[in-house]
C-alpha atoms as a PDB file:
ATOM      1  CA  UNK A   1     -18.330  23.793  41.365  1.00  0.00           C
ATOM      2  CA  UNK A   2     -17.524  24.848  45.475  1.00  0.00           C
ATOM      3  CA  UNK A   3     -19.255  22.895  47.858  1.00  0.00           C
ATOM      4  CA  UNK A   4     -21.147  25.675  49.534  1.00  0.00           C
ATOM      5  CA  UNK A   5     -23.223  25.626  45.618  1.00  0.00           C
ATOM      6  CA  UNK A   6     -22.952  21.662  46.211  1.00  0.00           C
ATOM      7  CA  UNK A   7     -24.643  22.058  49.432  1.00  0.00           C
ATOM      8  CA  UNK A   8     -27.080  24.988  48.628  1.00  0.00           C
ATOM      9  CA  UNK A   9     -28.321  22.613  44.930  1.00  0.00           C
ATOM     10  CA  UNK A  10     -28.301  19.194  47.906  1.00  0.00           C
ATOM     11  CA  UNK A  11     -30.873  21.474  50.799  1.00  0.00           C
ATOM     12  CA  UNK A  12     -32.440  22.767  46.934  1.00  0.00           C
ATOM     13  CA  UNK A  13     -34.041  19.337  46.039  1.00  0.00           C
ATOM     14  CA  UNK A  14     -33.881  18.516  49.728  1.00  0.00           C
ATOM     15  CA  UNK A  15     -37.006  21.023  50.155  1.00  0.00           C
ATOM     16  CA  UNK A  16     -38.612  20.105  46.764  1.00  0.00           C
ATOM     17  CA  UNK A  17     -38.792  17.163  48.146  1.00  0.00           C
ATOM     18  CA  UNK A  18     -40.165  17.414  50.738  1.00  0.00           C
ATOM     19  CA  UNK A  19     -42.688  19.957  49.108  1.00  0.00           C
ATOM     20  CA  UNK A  20     -43.545  17.539  46.971  1.00  0.00           C
ATOM     21  CA  UNK A  21     -44.147  14.965  49.745  1.00  0.00           C
ATOM     22  CA  UNK A  22     -46.077  17.249  51.295  1.00  0.00           C
ATOM     23  CA  UNK A  23     -48.518  18.317  47.950  1.00  0.00           C
ATOM     24  CA  UNK A  24     -48.911  14.334  47.530  1.00  0.00           C
ATOM     25  CA  UNK A  25     -49.855  13.565  51.315  1.00  0.00           C
ATOM     26  CA  UNK A  26     -52.024  17.054  51.343  1.00  0.00           C
ATOM     27  CA  UNK A  27     -53.767  15.519  47.695  1.00  0.00           C
ATOM     28  CA  UNK A  28     -56.699  13.429  49.083  1.00  0.00           C
ATOM     29  CA  UNK A  29     -57.811  16.453  51.586  1.00  0.00           C
ATOM     30  CA  UNK A  30     -57.716  18.391  47.863  1.00  0.00           C
ATOM     31  CA  UNK A  31     -59.828  16.028  46.726  1.00  0.00           C
ATOM     32  CA  UNK A  32     -62.750  15.964  48.840  1.00  0.00           C
ATOM     33  CA  UNK A  33     -63.092  19.751  48.367  1.00  0.00           C
ATOM     34  CA  UNK A  34     -65.103  19.619  45.760  1.00  0.00           C
ATOM     35  CA  UNK A  35     -63.411  20.273  42.066  1.00  0.00           C
ATOM     36  CA  UNK A  36     -63.893  16.274  41.344  1.00  0.00           C
ATOM     37  CA  UNK A  37     -67.661  16.203  42.196  1.00  0.00           C
ATOM     38  CA  UNK A  38     -67.419  19.768  38.962  1.00  0.00           C
ATOM     39  CA  UNK A  39     -65.799  17.067  36.683  1.00  0.00           C
ATOM     40  CA  UNK A  40     -68.014  14.051  37.492  1.00  0.00           C
ATOM     41  CA  UNK A  41     -71.222  17.077  37.173  1.00  0.00           C
ATOM     42  CA  UNK A  42     -69.973  17.537  33.639  1.00  0.00           C
ATOM     43  CA  UNK A  43     -68.788  14.362  32.641  1.00  0.00           C
ATOM     44  CA  UNK A  44     -72.232  13.564  32.926  1.00  0.00           C
ATOM     45  CA  UNK A  45     -74.054  16.129  31.175  1.00  0.00           C
ATOM     46  CA  UNK A  46     -71.275  15.413  28.030  1.00  0.00           C
ATOM     47  CA  UNK A  47     -72.313  11.693  28.198  1.00  0.00           C
ATOM     48  CA  UNK A  48     -76.323  12.938  28.498  1.00  0.00           C
ATOM     49  CA  UNK A  49     -75.410  15.073  25.420  1.00  0.00           C
ATOM     50  CA  UNK A  50     -73.649  11.766  23.344  1.00  0.00           C
ATOM     51  CA  UNK A  51     -77.125   9.650  24.552  1.00  0.00           C
ATOM     52  CA  UNK A  52     -79.238  12.225  22.861  1.00  0.00           C
ATOM     53  CA  UNK A  53     -76.603  12.369  19.774  1.00  0.00           C
ATOM     54  CA  UNK A  54     -76.559   8.734  19.812  1.00  0.00           C
ATOM     55  CA  UNK A  55     -80.476   8.722  19.754  1.00  0.00           C
ATOM     56  CA  UNK A  56     -79.971  10.467  16.758  1.00  0.00           C
ATOM     57  CA  UNK A  57     -77.091   9.472  15.108  1.00  0.00           C
ATOM     58  CA  UNK A  58     -78.858   6.046  14.439  1.00  0.00           C
ATOM     59  CA  UNK A  59     -82.810   7.120  13.769  1.00  0.00           C
ATOM     60  CA  UNK A  60     -81.536   8.493  11.125  1.00  0.00           C
ATOM     61  CA  UNK A  61     -79.056   6.264   9.934  1.00  0.00           C
ATOM     62  CA  UNK A  62     -82.117   3.549  10.049  1.00  0.00           C
ATOM     63  CA  UNK A  63     -84.629   6.514   8.257  1.00  0.00           C
ATOM     64  CA  UNK A  64     -81.370   6.713   5.648  1.00  0.00           C
ATOM     65  CA  UNK A  65     -81.251   2.302   4.842  1.00  0.00           C
ATOM     66  CA  UNK A  66     -84.332   1.916   4.746  1.00  0.00           C
ATOM     67  CA  UNK A  67     -85.590   4.764   2.238  1.00  0.00           C
ATOM     68  CA  UNK A  68     -82.564   3.234   0.324  1.00  0.00           C
ATOM     69  CA  UNK A  69     -83.831  -0.082   0.382  1.00  0.00           C
ATOM     70  CA  UNK A  70     -87.740   0.553  -0.646  1.00  0.00           C
ATOM     71  CA  UNK A  71     -86.569   3.471  -3.134  1.00  0.00           C
ATOM     72  CA  UNK A  72     -83.481   2.476  -4.991  1.00  0.00           C
ATOM     73  CA  UNK A  73     -83.429  -0.984  -4.770  1.00  0.00           C
ATOM     74  CA  UNK A  74     -79.977  -1.026  -2.692  1.00  0.00           C
ATOM     75  CA  UNK A  75     -78.708  -4.537  -1.717  1.00  0.00           C
ATOM     76  CA  UNK A  76     -78.523  -5.959   1.921  1.00  0.00           C
ATOM     77  CA  UNK A  77     -75.164  -5.574   1.715  1.00  0.00           C
ATOM     78  CA  UNK A  78     -75.167  -2.003   0.598  1.00  0.00           C
ATOM     79  CA  UNK A  79     -77.559  -0.634   3.334  1.00  0.00           C
ATOM     80  CA  UNK A  80     -76.296  -3.529   6.201  1.00  0.00           C
ATOM     81  CA  UNK A  81     -73.274  -1.362   5.921  1.00  0.00           C
ATOM     82  CA  UNK A  82     -74.783   2.175   7.222  1.00  0.00           C
ATOM     83  CA  UNK A  83     -76.398   0.442   9.837  1.00  0.00           C
ATOM     84  CA  UNK A  84     -73.772  -0.589  11.555  1.00  0.00           C
ATOM     85  CA  UNK A  85     -71.668   2.544  10.848  1.00  0.00           C
ATOM     86  CA  UNK A  86     -75.175   4.311  12.307  1.00  0.00           C
ATOM     87  CA  UNK A  87     -74.849   2.355  15.359  1.00  0.00           C
ATOM     88  CA  UNK A  88     -70.946   2.238  15.520  1.00  0.00           C
ATOM     89  CA  UNK A  89     -71.173   6.238  15.956  1.00  0.00           C
ATOM     90  CA  UNK A  90     -74.279   6.575  17.955  1.00  0.00           C
ATOM     91  CA  UNK A  91     -73.714   3.156  20.499  1.00  0.00           C
ATOM     92  CA  UNK A  92     -70.384   5.089  20.689  1.00  0.00           C
ATOM     93  CA  UNK A  93     -70.702   6.502  24.046  1.00  0.00           C
ATOM     94  CA  UNK A  94     -72.784   3.743  25.921  1.00  0.00           C
ATOM     95  CA  UNK A  95     -70.223   1.738  24.910  1.00  0.00           C
ATOM     96  CA  UNK A  96     -67.239   3.199  26.581  1.00  0.00           C
ATOM     97  CA  UNK A  97     -69.288   3.731  29.312  1.00  0.00           C
ATOM     98  CA  UNK A  98     -69.343   0.142  29.085  1.00  0.00           C
ATOM     99  CA  UNK A  99     -66.370  -0.478  28.998  1.00  0.00           C
ATOM    100  CA  UNK A 100     -64.915   2.559  31.830  1.00  0.00           C
ATOM    101  CA  UNK A 101     -67.713   1.169  34.946  1.00  0.00           C
END
């Protein structure tokens, strides 16, 4: 390798670092342009859908456990597994919101 090639490589690396530093310095300004608001709105919509699904899941689990207990004479341990599973699946959205806040 010649010294000219080495010098050009160093200049390219330094230019790359300079461009990256400029991008990192401009990042807060880019975050305020509304892109983050779109992501927050989308995630709020997803959370609203998950809340609706969780209510439905818990309701179905309680109904299933109730019918199984009344008509099939299931024991409490079997019904408890259904209720625990329904509550865990249904409460996942709220549990995630609580843990991330």
